[in-house]
Amino acid sequence: MNLNQVLKRPIITEKALNQSALGRYLFEVDSRARHFDIRKAIKKAFNVDVVEVKVMRVKGKVRRFGRQKKRICLGDWKKAMVQLAPGQKIDIFTVPQEEEKPAKEGKKEEKK
């Protein structure tokens, strides 16, 4: 399998961001990808050392669609949790810190 096709997108949720503080990152991967394919793709894409790869299959959800509310099933997909070596990180998952804005100086105008 071509390494460019293995990683589809990073999963950026609140739970995934909490895991990124521990060095674990979540990705949606191709359903045919294996552990060693995912390890090679992460190493090549982000230039980091991968310690562990855990893979799970996620069932597709059933949605209602259209005027008659037909039920359609979204496809199953595969998710990978990647544990990096200590001290390494992937910059996609870092949340930029907001700077504190200085309070406006001056008085508010009073309405009469």
C-alpha atoms as a PDB file:
ATOM      1  CA  MET A   1       0.000   0.000   0.000  1.00  0.00           C
ATOM      2  CA  ASN A   2       1.255   3.482  -0.891  1.00  0.00           C
ATOM      3  CA  LEU A   3       2.165   5.439   2.270  1.00  0.00           C
ATOM      4  CA  ASN A   4       0.442   8.580   0.939  1.00  0.00           C
ATOM      5  CA  GLN A   5      -2.898   6.757   0.957  1.00  0.00           C
ATOM      6  CA  VAL A   6      -2.658   5.389   4.506  1.00  0.00           C
ATOM      7  CA  LEU A   7      -3.413   8.568   6.490  1.00  0.00           C
ATOM      8  CA  LYS A   8      -6.701  10.236   5.631  1.00  0.00           C
ATOM      9  CA  ARG A   9      -7.050  12.956   8.272  1.00  0.00           C
ATOM     10  CA  PRO A  10      -6.240  13.724  11.897  1.00  0.00           C
ATOM     11  CA  ILE A  11      -9.108  13.403  14.360  1.00  0.00           C
ATOM     12  CA  ILE A  12      -9.285  16.654  16.295  1.00  0.00           C
ATOM     13  CA  THR A  13     -11.821  16.439  19.099  1.00  0.00           C
ATOM     14  CA  GLU A  14     -11.715  17.483  22.730  1.00  0.00           C
ATOM     15  CA  LYS A  15     -10.892  13.948  23.826  1.00  0.00           C
ATOM     16  CA  ALA A  16      -8.178  13.614  21.168  1.00  0.00           C
ATOM     17  CA  LEU A  17      -6.577  16.896  22.242  1.00  0.00           C
ATOM     18  CA  ASN A  18      -6.460  15.666  25.844  1.00  0.00           C
ATOM     19  CA  GLN A  19      -4.701  12.500  24.644  1.00  0.00           C
ATOM     20  CA  SER A  20      -2.193  14.562  22.650  1.00  0.00           C
ATOM     21  CA  ALA A  21      -0.885  15.991  25.931  1.00  0.00           C
ATOM     22  CA  LEU A  22       0.127  12.405  26.799  1.00  0.00           C
ATOM     23  CA  GLY A  23       1.815  11.843  23.420  1.00  0.00           C
ATOM     24  CA  ARG A  24      -1.054   9.878  21.829  1.00  0.00           C
ATOM     25  CA  TYR A  25      -2.502  11.069  18.524  1.00  0.00           C
ATOM     26  CA  LEU A  26      -5.616   9.888  16.634  1.00  0.00           C
ATOM     27  CA  PHE A  27      -5.887   9.537  12.858  1.00  0.00           C
ATOM     28  CA  GLU A  28      -8.479   8.241  10.434  1.00  0.00           C
ATOM     29  CA  VAL A  29      -6.663   5.703   8.259  1.00  0.00           C
ATOM     30  CA  ASP A  30      -7.434   3.592   5.222  1.00  0.00           C
ATOM     31  CA  SER A  31      -9.469   0.514   6.094  1.00  0.00           C
ATOM     32  CA  ARG A  32      -6.862  -1.756   4.471  1.00  0.00           C
ATOM     33  CA  ALA A  33      -3.906  -0.270   6.395  1.00  0.00           C
ATOM     34  CA  ARG A  34      -2.001  -2.444   8.854  1.00  0.00           C
ATOM     35  CA  HIS A  35       0.013  -1.519  11.919  1.00  0.00           C
ATOM     36  CA  PHE A  36       3.377  -1.365  10.172  1.00  0.00           C
ATOM     37  CA  ASP A  37       1.899   0.692   7.274  1.00  0.00           C
ATOM     38  CA  ILE A  38       0.551   3.253   9.747  1.00  0.00           C
ATOM     39  CA  ARG A  39       3.870   3.341  11.635  1.00  0.00           C
ATOM     40  CA  LYS A  40       5.836   4.014   8.412  1.00  0.00           C
ATOM     41  CA  ALA A  41       3.369   6.680   7.210  1.00  0.00           C
ATOM     42  CA  ILE A  42       3.484   8.607  10.515  1.00  0.00           C
ATOM     43  CA  LYS A  43       7.284   8.404  10.623  1.00  0.00           C
ATOM     44  CA  LYS A  44       7.586   9.658   7.036  1.00  0.00           C
ATOM     45  CA  ALA A  45       4.950  12.411   7.293  1.00  0.00           C
ATOM     46  CA  PHE A  46       5.922  13.952  10.646  1.00  0.00           C
ATOM     47  CA  ASN A  47       9.542  12.777  11.163  1.00  0.00           C
ATOM     48  CA  VAL A  48       8.881  11.308  14.631  1.00  0.00           C
ATOM     49  CA  ASP A  49       9.559   7.968  16.359  1.00  0.00           C
ATOM     50  CA  VAL A  50       6.469   5.798  16.873  1.00  0.00           C
ATOM     51  CA  VAL A  51       6.436   3.610  19.984  1.00  0.00           C
ATOM     52  CA  GLU A  52       3.032   1.939  19.635  1.00  0.00           C
ATOM     53  CA  VAL A  53       0.095   1.783  17.216  1.00  0.00           C
ATOM     54  CA  LYS A  54      -3.420   0.735  18.237  1.00  0.00           C
ATOM     55  CA  VAL A  55      -6.084   0.266  15.569  1.00  0.00           C
ATOM     56  CA  MET A  56      -9.850   0.037  15.878  1.00  0.00           C
ATOM     57  CA  ARG A  57     -12.747  -0.249  13.472  1.00  0.00           C
ATOM     58  CA  VAL A  58     -15.634   2.197  13.900  1.00  0.00           C
ATOM     59  CA  LYS A  59     -19.133   1.246  12.795  1.00  0.00           C
ATOM     60  CA  GLY A  60     -20.876   3.683  10.464  1.00  0.00           C
ATOM     61  CA  LYS A  61     -23.888   5.542  11.829  1.00  0.00           C
ATOM     62  CA  VAL A  62     -27.448   5.183  10.565  1.00  0.00           C
ATOM     63  CA  ARG A  63     -28.862   8.504   9.351  1.00  0.00           C
ATOM     64  CA  ARG A  64     -32.266   9.579   8.141  1.00  0.00           C
ATOM     65  CA  PHE A  65     -32.241  11.316   4.782  1.00  0.00           C
ATOM     66  CA  GLY A  66     -34.687  12.956   2.408  1.00  0.00           C
ATOM     67  CA  ARG A  67     -38.350  13.801   2.488  1.00  0.00           C
ATOM     68  CA  GLN A  68     -39.473  10.271   3.282  1.00  0.00           C
ATOM     69  CA  LYS A  69     -36.778  10.032   5.991  1.00  0.00           C
ATOM     70  CA  LYS A  70     -35.120   7.035   4.380  1.00  0.00           C
ATOM     71  CA  ARG A  71     -32.530   5.352   6.544  1.00  0.00           C
ATOM     72  CA  ILE A  72     -29.049   5.251   5.081  1.00  0.00           C
ATOM     73  CA  CYS A  73     -25.960   3.734   6.674  1.00  0.00           C
ATOM     74  CA  LEU A  74     -22.673   5.588   6.537  1.00  0.00           C
ATOM     75  CA  GLY A  75     -19.648   3.413   5.837  1.00  0.00           C
ATOM     76  CA  ASP A  76     -17.444   1.799   8.460  1.00  0.00           C
ATOM     77  CA  TRP A  77     -14.004   3.366   8.944  1.00  0.00           C
ATOM     78  CA  LYS A  78     -10.745   2.691  10.734  1.00  0.00           C
ATOM     79  CA  LYS A  79      -9.117   4.761  13.476  1.00  0.00           C
ATOM     80  CA  ALA A  80      -5.514   4.557  14.695  1.00  0.00           C
ATOM     81  CA  MET A  81      -4.070   5.764  18.006  1.00  0.00           C
ATOM     82  CA  VAL A  82      -0.340   6.433  17.724  1.00  0.00           C
ATOM     83  CA  GLN A  83       1.951   6.689  20.777  1.00  0.00           C
ATOM     84  CA  LEU A  84       5.094   8.745  20.152  1.00  0.00           C
ATOM     85  CA  ALA A  85       8.437   8.578  21.905  1.00  0.00           C
ATOM     86  CA  PRO A  86       8.737  10.797  24.996  1.00  0.00           C
ATOM     87  CA  GLY A  87       9.512  14.427  24.202  1.00  0.00           C
ATOM     88  CA  GLN A  88       8.189  14.294  20.628  1.00  0.00           C
ATOM     89  CA  LYS A  89       5.002  15.890  19.357  1.00  0.00           C
ATOM     90  CA  ILE A  90       3.022  16.622  16.217  1.00  0.00           C
ATOM     91  CA  ASP A  91       2.245  20.315  15.700  1.00  0.00           C
ATOM     92  CA  ILE A  92      -1.191  19.755  14.132  1.00  0.00           C
ATOM     93  CA  PHE A  93      -2.664  18.906  17.511  1.00  0.00           C
ATOM     94  CA  THR A  94      -1.326  21.843  19.532  1.00  0.00           C
ATOM     95  CA  VAL A  95      -3.854  24.473  20.512  1.00  0.00           C
ATOM     96  CA  PRO A  96      -2.576  28.031  20.139  1.00  0.00           C
ATOM     97  CA  GLN A  97      -2.746  29.993  23.385  1.00  0.00           C
ATOM     98  CA  GLU A  98      -4.800  33.159  23.196  1.00  0.00           C
ATOM     99  CA  GLU A  99      -3.096  36.288  24.406  1.00  0.00           C
ATOM    100  CA  GLU A 100      -4.868  38.384  26.984  1.00  0.00           C
ATOM    101  CA  LYS A 101      -6.248  41.569  25.521  1.00  0.00           C
ATOM    102  CA  PRO A 102      -5.672  44.700  27.565  1.00  0.00           C
ATOM    103  CA  ALA A 103      -8.816  46.271  28.988  1.00  0.00           C
ATOM    104  CA  LYS A 104     -10.028  49.394  27.264  1.00  0.00           C
ATOM    105  CA  GLU A 105      -9.052  52.458  29.132  1.00  0.00           C
ATOM    106  CA  GLY A 106     -11.454  55.326  29.373  1.00  0.00           C
ATOM    107  CA  LYS A 107     -14.877  55.885  30.770  1.00  0.00           C
ATOM    108  CA  LYS A 108     -18.109  54.758  29.228  1.00  0.00           C
ATOM    109  CA  GLU A 109     -20.376  57.544  28.179  1.00  0.00           C
ATOM    110  CA  GLU A 110     -23.467  57.854  30.299  1.00  0.00           C
ATOM    111  CA  LYS A 111     -26.815  58.242  28.598  1.00  0.00           C
ATOM    112  CA  LYS A 112     -29.057  61.063  29.837  1.00  0.00           C
END
